[in-house]
Protein backbone atom coordinates (compact mmCIF):
# COMPACT_ATOMS: atom_id res chain seq x y z
CA MET A 1 79.35 85.71 125.87
CA PRO A 2 81.87 82.98 125.89
CA ALA A 3 85.82 83.96 125.47
CA VAL A 4 87.25 82.94 122.39
CA PRO A 5 90.33 80.96 122.15
CA VAL A 6 93.01 82.62 120.72
CA GLN A 7 96.86 82.08 119.43
CA PRO A 8 99.36 83.67 121.47
CA ARG A 9 100.70 87.36 120.18
CA ALA A 10 103.31 87.05 117.48
CA GLY A 11 106.55 88.57 119.34
CA ALA A 12 105.13 88.01 122.67
CA SER A 13 105.08 84.83 123.88
CA SER A 14 105.14 82.67 120.39
CA GLY A 15 108.70 81.97 120.80
CA THR A 16 109.08 82.04 116.95
CA GLY A 17 112.19 84.72 117.40
CA ALA A 18 110.91 86.16 113.92
CA PRO A 19 112.79 89.52 113.04
CA TYR A 20 109.98 92.06 113.90
CA GLY A 21 112.15 95.04 114.20
CA ALA A 22 113.34 94.46 110.80
CA ALA A 23 110.06 94.05 109.41
CA LEU A 24 108.62 97.31 110.86
CA SER A 25 112.12 98.95 109.53
CA MET A 26 111.06 97.87 106.19
CA LEU A 27 107.44 98.52 106.61
CA ALA A 28 108.38 101.95 107.70
CA THR A 29 110.29 102.81 104.22
CA LEU A 30 106.67 101.68 102.84
CA PHE A 31 104.83 104.36 104.81
CA PHE A 32 107.59 106.81 104.02
CA MET A 33 107.41 106.44 100.21
CA TRP A 34 103.04 106.39 100.40
CA GLY A 35 103.42 109.64 102.22
CA PHE A 36 106.01 111.10 99.99
CA ILE A 37 104.20 110.65 96.48
CA THR A 38 100.94 111.36 98.41
CA VAL A 39 101.66 115.00 99.67
CA ILE A 40 103.41 115.64 95.96
CA ASN A 41 99.82 116.36 94.93
CA GLY A 42 100.08 119.50 97.15
CA THR A 43 102.54 120.90 95.03
CA LEU A 44 101.39 119.57 92.12
CA LEU A 45 97.48 120.27 92.28
CA PRO A 46 98.06 124.23 92.53
CA HIS A 47 100.27 123.97 89.38
CA LEU A 48 97.89 121.55 87.45
CA ARG A 49 95.14 124.54 88.08
CA SER A 50 97.41 127.37 86.59
CA VAL A 51 98.22 124.93 83.61
CA MET A 52 95.04 123.58 82.69
CA VAL A 53 93.13 126.60 83.84
CA LEU A 54 90.90 124.43 86.21
CA SER A 55 88.30 125.29 88.64
CA TYR A 56 88.85 124.78 92.61
CA SER A 57 86.00 122.12 92.02
CA GLN A 58 88.03 120.45 89.07
CA THR A 59 91.11 120.84 91.23
CA THR A 60 89.84 119.04 94.29
CA LEU A 61 88.34 116.14 91.73
CA ILE A 62 91.84 115.26 91.12
CA GLU A 63 92.33 114.19 95.00
CA SER A 64 88.68 112.64 94.96
CA VAL A 65 89.76 110.29 91.97
CA TRP A 66 92.67 109.28 94.50
CA PHE A 67 90.58 108.35 97.37
CA ILE A 68 87.96 106.94 95.16
CA ALA A 69 90.56 104.66 93.86
CA TYR A 70 91.00 103.34 97.82
CA PHE A 71 87.25 102.49 97.64
CA VAL A 72 87.63 100.63 94.39
CA ALA A 73 90.53 98.97 95.13
CA SER A 74 90.27 98.03 98.81
CA VAL A 75 88.12 94.89 98.58
CA PRO A 76 89.89 93.43 95.66
CA SER A 77 93.31 94.66 97.59
CA ALA A 78 92.21 91.90 100.59
CA LYS A 79 91.85 89.20 98.06
CA ILE A 80 95.03 89.82 96.75
CA ILE A 81 96.67 89.77 99.42
CA GLU A 82 94.53 86.39 100.82
CA ARG A 83 95.71 85.06 97.38
CA ILE A 84 99.39 85.80 97.01
CA GLY A 85 100.38 86.65 100.62
CA TYR A 86 101.50 89.87 102.24
CA LYS A 87 105.06 90.12 100.64
CA LYS A 88 104.26 89.54 97.07
CA SER A 89 101.06 91.84 97.44
CA MET A 90 103.36 94.78 99.07
CA VAL A 91 105.46 94.43 95.68
CA THR A 92 102.74 94.48 93.33
CA GLY A 93 101.50 97.76 94.97
CA LEU A 94 104.87 99.19 94.23
CA ILE A 95 104.85 98.42 90.87
CA VAL A 96 101.36 99.70 90.22
CA MET A 97 102.21 102.82 91.89
CA ALA A 98 105.41 103.06 89.53
CA VAL A 99 103.23 102.49 86.58
CA GLY A 100 100.92 105.39 87.55
CA ALA A 101 104.00 107.86 88.17
CA LEU A 102 105.27 106.73 84.36
CA ILE A 103 101.44 107.82 83.17
CA MET A 104 102.13 111.35 84.52
CA ILE A 105 104.79 111.92 81.58
CA PRO A 106 102.15 111.45 78.47
CA ALA A 107 99.63 113.21 80.96
CA SER A 108 102.30 116.20 80.73
CA MET A 109 103.13 115.93 76.80
CA LEU A 110 99.16 116.10 76.27
CA LEU A 111 98.60 118.39 78.63
CA SER A 112 95.26 115.98 79.35
CA TYR A 113 93.32 116.40 82.45
CA GLY A 114 91.71 112.65 81.76
CA VAL A 115 95.10 111.22 81.97
CA VAL A 116 96.00 112.81 84.82
CA LEU A 117 92.67 111.44 86.39
CA THR A 118 93.98 108.16 85.34
CA ALA A 119 97.52 108.53 86.38
CA MET A 120 96.40 109.12 90.15
CA PHE A 121 93.76 106.48 90.20
CA VAL A 122 96.15 104.44 89.32
CA ILE A 123 98.59 105.66 91.97
CA ALA A 124 96.11 105.42 94.32
CA SER A 125 95.39 101.95 93.69
CA GLY A 126 98.58 100.74 94.25
CA ILE A 127 98.79 102.79 97.51
CA ALA A 128 95.55 101.05 98.32
CA LEU A 129 97.25 97.88 98.08
CA LEU A 130 100.24 98.63 100.79
CA GLN A 131 97.56 100.15 103.13
CA VAL A 132 95.67 97.18 103.30
CA ALA A 133 98.51 94.64 103.90
CA ALA A 134 100.59 97.23 106.30
CA ASN A 135 98.24 98.85 108.80
CA PRO A 136 96.50 95.84 110.07
CA TYR A 137 100.08 94.08 110.00
CA VAL A 138 101.75 96.68 112.08
CA ALA A 139 98.98 96.68 114.51
CA VAL A 140 98.82 93.09 115.58
CA ILE A 141 102.20 91.77 115.24
CA GLY A 142 102.93 93.53 119.03
CA PRO A 143 100.99 93.55 122.26
CA SER A 144 97.29 94.87 121.86
CA GLU A 145 97.88 97.51 124.51
CA SER A 146 100.74 99.45 122.47
CA ALA A 147 99.32 98.95 118.89
CA SER A 148 98.38 102.66 118.66
CA SER A 149 101.89 103.62 120.11
CA ARG A 150 103.20 101.51 117.59
CA LEU A 151 101.16 102.30 114.19
CA ASN A 152 101.79 106.20 115.44
CA LEU A 153 105.30 105.28 115.47
CA VAL A 154 105.77 103.95 111.70
CA GLN A 155 103.32 106.18 110.55
CA ALA A 156 105.65 108.87 111.61
CA PHE A 157 107.75 107.92 108.71
CA ASN A 158 104.94 108.24 106.52
CA SER A 159 104.80 111.92 107.80
CA MET A 160 108.59 112.04 107.03
CA GLY A 161 107.66 111.50 103.67
CA THR A 162 105.17 113.92 103.60
CA THR A 163 107.50 116.43 105.07
CA LEU A 164 109.76 116.22 102.39
CA ALA A 165 107.67 115.75 99.63
CA PRO A 166 106.88 119.42 99.10
CA LEU A 167 110.35 120.73 99.18
CA PHE A 168 111.03 117.90 96.07
CA GLY A 169 107.67 119.17 94.73
CA ALA A 170 108.40 123.19 95.33
CA TYR A 171 111.96 122.64 93.34
CA LEU A 172 111.32 120.76 90.80
CA ILE A 173 108.02 121.65 89.88
CA LEU A 174 107.11 125.08 91.39
CA GLY A 175 110.28 126.15 91.25
CA ARG A 176 110.92 125.50 87.34
CA SER A 177 107.65 126.76 86.15
CA VAL A 178 106.37 130.52 85.40
CA SER A 179 102.96 129.81 87.21
CA GLY A 180 104.97 128.40 90.51
CA THR A 181 107.06 131.59 90.73
CA THR A 182 104.55 134.70 89.87
CA GLU A 183 103.97 136.58 93.11
CA GLY A 184 100.39 136.01 95.04
CA GLY A 185 99.99 132.51 92.81
CA ALA A 186 98.31 133.63 90.04
CA ALA A 187 99.30 133.44 86.70
CA ALA A 188 97.52 134.28 83.21
CA LEU A 189 99.84 131.75 81.11
CA THR A 190 99.94 131.30 77.21
CA LEU A 191 99.39 128.49 75.53
CA GLU A 192 103.44 128.11 75.10
CA GLN A 193 104.13 128.94 78.92
CA ARG A 194 101.59 126.29 79.63
CA LEU A 195 102.88 123.87 77.48
CA ALA A 196 106.50 124.56 79.10
CA ASP A 197 105.35 124.64 82.48
CA ALA A 198 103.36 121.00 82.08
CA GLN A 199 107.01 119.42 81.37
CA THR A 200 108.27 120.40 84.81
CA VAL A 201 106.20 117.45 86.18
CA GLN A 202 108.33 114.97 84.34
CA LEU A 203 111.41 114.45 85.68
CA PRO A 204 109.81 113.99 89.21
CA TYR A 205 107.57 111.54 88.58
CA LEU A 206 110.25 109.63 86.76
CA ILE A 207 112.54 109.95 89.90
CA VAL A 208 109.61 109.04 91.84
CA ALA A 209 108.86 105.65 89.46
CA GLY A 210 112.52 104.76 89.41
CA VAL A 211 112.80 104.88 93.57
CA LEU A 212 109.46 102.84 93.64
CA LEU A 213 110.80 99.90 91.14
CA VAL A 214 113.99 99.76 93.21
CA LEU A 215 112.07 99.43 96.96
CA ALA A 216 109.96 96.76 94.69
CA ILE A 217 112.83 94.73 94.26
CA VAL A 218 114.34 95.03 97.74
CA ILE A 219 111.24 94.05 99.33
CA ALA A 220 110.95 90.99 97.02
CA ARG A 221 114.49 89.90 98.38
CA PHE A 222 113.71 90.61 102.20
CA LYS A 223 112.79 87.84 104.22
CA LEU A 224 109.25 89.84 105.77
CA PRO A 225 107.50 87.23 108.53
CA ALA A 226 104.36 85.79 107.21
CA MET A 227 101.10 85.92 109.27
CA GLY A 228 100.37 82.10 110.17
CA ALA A 229 97.93 80.01 108.23
CA ALA A 230 96.60 78.13 111.06
CA VAL A 231 95.46 81.22 113.19
CA SER A 232 93.71 82.63 109.64
CA ARG A 233 91.94 78.87 109.67
CA HIS A 234 90.67 79.45 112.99
CA SER A 235 89.86 83.14 112.81
CA ARG A 236 87.19 81.83 109.67
CA GLU A 237 85.39 79.33 111.97
CA ALA A 238 85.04 82.05 115.09
CA ARG A 239 84.18 84.82 113.34
CA LYS A 240 80.91 83.14 112.02
CA ASN A 241 79.38 83.61 115.65
CA HIS A 242 80.03 87.35 115.73
CA SER A 243 78.94 90.50 113.99
CA LEU A 244 80.87 93.65 113.27
CA TRP A 245 77.76 95.76 113.89
CA GLN A 246 77.71 95.07 117.48
CA HIS A 247 80.97 97.14 118.06
CA ARG A 248 80.52 100.80 118.66
CA ASN A 249 84.14 101.55 118.04
CA LEU A 250 84.21 100.12 114.44
CA VAL A 251 80.50 101.14 113.39
CA PHE A 252 81.60 104.93 114.47
CA GLY A 253 85.13 104.29 113.58
CA VAL A 254 84.70 103.75 109.90
CA PRO A 255 83.03 107.44 109.63
CA ALA A 256 85.41 108.99 111.77
CA ILE A 257 88.25 107.88 109.40
CA ALA A 258 86.35 109.30 106.37
CA ILE A 259 85.51 112.51 108.03
CA TYR A 260 89.06 112.98 109.35
CA LEU A 261 90.54 112.43 106.13
CA ILE A 262 88.15 115.15 104.19
CA ALA A 263 89.94 117.54 106.73
CA GLU A 264 93.38 116.04 106.50
CA ILE A 265 93.15 116.39 102.56
CA GLY A 266 91.15 119.40 102.22
CA VAL A 267 93.98 121.18 104.40
CA GLY A 268 96.79 119.60 102.17
CA ASN A 269 95.45 120.31 98.87
CA LEU A 270 94.19 124.09 99.24
CA PHE A 271 97.20 124.76 101.44
CA VAL A 272 99.06 126.36 98.72
CA ASN A 273 96.22 128.31 97.10
CA PHE A 274 95.44 129.43 100.53
CA VAL A 275 98.41 131.34 101.78
CA SER A 276 99.33 132.56 98.67
CA GLN A 277 96.49 134.68 98.56
CA PRO A 278 97.11 138.55 99.01
CA ASP A 279 95.81 138.69 102.16
CA ILE A 280 97.00 135.55 103.71
CA GLY A 281 100.50 135.19 102.95
CA ASN A 282 101.06 137.04 99.49
CA LEU A 283 103.78 134.26 98.24
CA THR A 284 104.53 132.65 95.11
CA HIS A 285 103.27 128.95 94.73
CA GLU A 286 106.91 128.02 95.16
CA GLN A 287 107.30 130.22 98.63
CA ALA A 288 103.97 128.46 99.82
CA GLY A 289 105.39 124.99 99.23
CA HIS A 290 108.27 125.56 101.73
CA TYR A 291 105.59 126.54 104.07
CA LEU A 292 103.42 123.31 103.13
CA PHE A 293 106.70 121.36 104.25
CA LEU A 294 106.45 122.86 108.02
CA LEU A 295 102.34 121.78 107.87
CA TRP A 296 103.64 118.31 107.23
CA GLY A 297 106.63 118.52 109.48
CA GLY A 298 104.27 119.23 112.18
CA MET A 299 102.41 115.94 111.35
CA MET A 300 105.99 114.02 111.67
CA VAL A 301 106.80 115.61 115.16
CA GLY A 302 103.54 115.16 116.53
CA ARG A 303 103.24 111.01 115.15
CA PHE A 304 106.71 110.90 117.37
CA LEU A 305 105.50 112.94 120.22
CA GLY A 306 102.11 110.67 120.30
CA ALA A 307 103.84 107.32 119.79
CA PHE A 308 105.51 108.39 123.45
CA LEU A 309 102.51 109.72 124.96
CA MET A 310 100.68 106.68 124.55
CA ARG A 311 103.05 104.65 126.52
CA SER A 312 101.17 106.37 129.51
CA VAL A 313 98.49 108.32 128.63
CA LYS A 314 95.10 106.44 126.89
CA PRO A 315 95.16 107.03 123.47
CA GLU A 316 91.21 108.33 123.60
CA THR A 317 92.43 111.11 125.49
CA VAL A 318 95.37 111.95 123.14
CA LEU A 319 92.43 112.15 120.19
CA ALA A 320 90.43 114.13 122.64
CA VAL A 321 92.70 116.98 123.11
CA ALA A 322 94.40 116.96 119.75
CA SER A 323 90.78 117.08 117.67
CA ALA A 324 89.76 120.15 120.35
CA LEU A 325 92.95 121.97 119.46
CA ALA A 326 92.42 120.91 115.80
CA PHE A 327 88.98 122.62 115.84
CA VAL A 328 90.10 125.85 117.62
CA VAL A 329 93.05 126.40 114.98
CA MET A 330 90.86 125.61 111.85
CA THR A 331 88.21 128.19 113.43
CA ILE A 332 90.69 130.88 113.46
CA THR A 333 92.00 129.97 110.06
CA THR A 334 88.48 130.53 108.28
CA PHE A 335 87.93 134.28 110.02
CA ALA A 336 91.29 135.22 110.39
CA HIS A 337 93.44 137.04 107.98
CA GLY A 338 97.38 137.45 107.57
CA PRO A 339 100.10 135.95 109.26
CA VAL A 340 97.26 134.48 111.90
CA ALA A 341 95.54 132.45 109.48
CA MET A 342 98.46 131.35 107.66
CA TRP A 343 99.84 129.90 111.06
CA ALA A 344 96.56 128.90 112.33
CA LEU A 345 96.46 126.52 109.09
CA ILE A 346 100.29 125.51 109.45
CA SER A 347 99.76 124.36 112.97
CA VAL A 348 96.99 122.28 112.56
CA GLY A 349 99.42 119.46 111.22
CA LEU A 350 100.20 119.03 114.26
CA PHE A 351 97.16 118.32 116.11
CA HIS A 352 95.99 115.81 112.91
CA SER A 353 99.34 113.92 113.14
CA ILE A 354 98.07 111.20 115.57
CA MET A 355 94.35 111.00 114.38
CA PHE A 356 94.51 108.08 111.80
CA PRO A 357 96.75 105.59 113.28
CA THR A 358 94.70 106.16 116.89
CA ILE A 359 91.38 106.25 115.23
CA PHE A 360 92.56 103.03 113.68
CA THR A 361 93.53 101.11 116.21
CA LEU A 362 90.72 102.08 118.62
CA GLY A 363 88.46 100.89 115.89
CA ILE A 364 90.50 97.55 115.76
CA LYS A 365 90.00 97.24 119.54
CA GLY A 366 88.15 94.14 121.14
CA LEU A 367 87.24 93.01 117.63
CA GLY A 368 88.87 89.47 118.17
CA PRO A 369 88.59 87.01 115.08
CA LEU A 370 86.49 90.33 113.26
CA THR A 371 89.77 92.19 113.40
CA GLU A 372 90.72 91.13 109.73
CA GLU A 373 87.42 92.26 108.26
CA GLY A 374 87.36 95.40 110.55
CA SER A 375 90.50 96.51 109.28
CA GLY A 376 88.83 96.47 105.80
CA LEU A 377 86.35 98.52 106.38
CA LEU A 378 88.62 101.08 108.08
CA ILE A 379 91.09 101.03 105.30
CA MET A 380 88.02 101.41 103.01
CA ALA A 381 87.27 104.70 104.63
CA ILE A 382 89.44 106.33 103.57
CA ALA A 383 87.77 106.54 100.29
CA GLY A 384 86.11 109.50 101.96
CA GLY A 385 88.86 112.01 101.33
CA ALA A 386 86.99 111.96 97.96
CA LEU A 387 84.45 114.40 99.87
CA VAL A 388 86.78 117.15 99.68
CA TYR A 389 85.61 117.61 95.91
CA PHE A 390 82.64 119.37 98.05
CA GLN A 391 84.73 121.51 99.89
CA GLY A 392 86.38 122.52 96.21
CA LYS A 393 82.71 123.70 95.25
CA PHE A 394 81.97 125.27 98.47
CA ALA A 395 85.61 127.41 97.95
CA ASP A 396 84.19 128.09 94.33
CA ALA A 397 80.82 129.10 95.53
CA TYR A 398 81.61 131.02 98.99
CA GLY A 399 85.44 131.65 98.65
CA LEU A 400 88.69 129.82 99.36
CA GLN A 401 88.71 130.77 103.15
CA ALA A 402 85.26 130.04 103.96
CA SER A 403 85.70 126.41 102.68
CA PHE A 404 87.67 125.53 105.91
CA ILE A 405 84.68 125.58 108.00
CA ILE A 406 83.80 122.14 106.54
CA CYS A 407 87.37 121.03 108.31
CA ALA A 408 86.52 122.76 111.44
CA ILE A 409 83.42 120.66 111.59
CA CYS A 410 85.37 117.69 110.73
CA GLU A 411 87.17 117.86 113.75
CA LEU A 412 84.30 117.83 116.01
CA TYR A 413 83.22 114.63 114.85
CA VAL A 414 86.46 113.14 115.44
CA LEU A 415 86.26 114.71 119.34
CA PHE A 416 82.98 112.99 119.28
CA TYR A 417 84.28 109.57 118.42
CA ALA A 418 87.32 110.19 120.90
CA LEU A 419 84.80 110.98 123.88
CA TRP A 420 82.21 108.36 123.38
CA GLY A 421 81.93 106.48 120.14
CA SER A 422 85.48 104.93 120.77
CA LYS A 423 84.52 103.06 123.73
CA ALA A 424 84.52 99.24 122.81
CA THR A 425 81.19 97.39 123.22
CA ASN A 426 81.11 93.40 123.32
CA ALA A 427 84.67 93.04 123.35
CA LEU A 428 86.28 89.99 122.10
CA GLU A 429 89.48 88.68 123.09
CA ASP A 430 92.27 89.94 120.84
CA GLU A 431 92.55 87.74 117.51
CA VAL A 432 96.65 87.68 116.59
CA ALA A 433 98.24 85.40 114.46
CA THR A 434 101.72 83.51 114.93
CA ALA A 435 104.65 84.96 112.45
CA VAL A 436 106.71 82.32 110.33
CA GLU A 437 109.66 82.72 108.07
């Protein structure tokens, strides 16, 4: 197959002098905020389960709606980016997220499950717009060989947000409610207590909405480099002669993203309920929220470590080792008891850390002019997190601890992808863009 002529890689030899370091720093704040607001759900969901008297399947449906929004919003997000550009799309995404956060206030007043689902959908739609814009942008503005390292680095700031969010949620939501301070994590609340507990979500989400709006203003005023239009026109012509389905790493990478997200979200959303159980940690939900901090902290440390390792070790090798170890600790979580099971579940954060950014960059490797379309499919695959609903159904039927076997099976697919599915076929020359102010 003849090589496809490409533009010089931005920041390498284009000679534009565009401030990519400053752009990556600004993007890191976006990664931080969507990580922060996503993981607040880890403390919000057990709270809502007590306040609204929800089953595990109803609780996980809240998170499923969150990820369904990715599926619904990804294609429109790509169209929005094409129409108004990256920067305005990021500003729009932040505003949409702020609106969703504000919807949580009437949801708490009405004690309405339906309004909560609406708020989650709106927030996630805003995050989807940010994801569609930011992940491919980070991947292509530097040398292709360091794309995994670069994306792991900015994803580490996403993990910083996920690390701090449980402390924020545990203090302002769980720590100020009756359900959150009850031993063993179980509370039979009166209607008056439920109404009072519901009000504790108002201040945290009001703060989040305010921060998002301030960040939107900052981004709007920031001189973020834009991707060159000439290369986009070139890409449209070049990709007419190629098919996405000829690239094994993308074909198997799309389900790898979806399946990995089932494991990550299943662990994060059911963590507080699991470690609160008398035969595991016997903690209050507030105390469990502090251990959730360690789970997400492990992801932050792992991404910084992964960014360093991938400078000298192949990304697929790091991914294979991480997925194998994740399978081991998830198996221990499923069958052990007491502190052993609790700490095994906490440790999986370290091994999950590099999975999303590494699968993403392996998935778009060698796509050439198809990179943009491939990126869109990988972001849409985040909707796979909605399938965590079935882990909730499994937990209702067979027990919460037994449901983690689903996560262990997910780790095996990631291992398969690292060892075989990620091998690029029909690789094309990298398609990149020249950045301009």
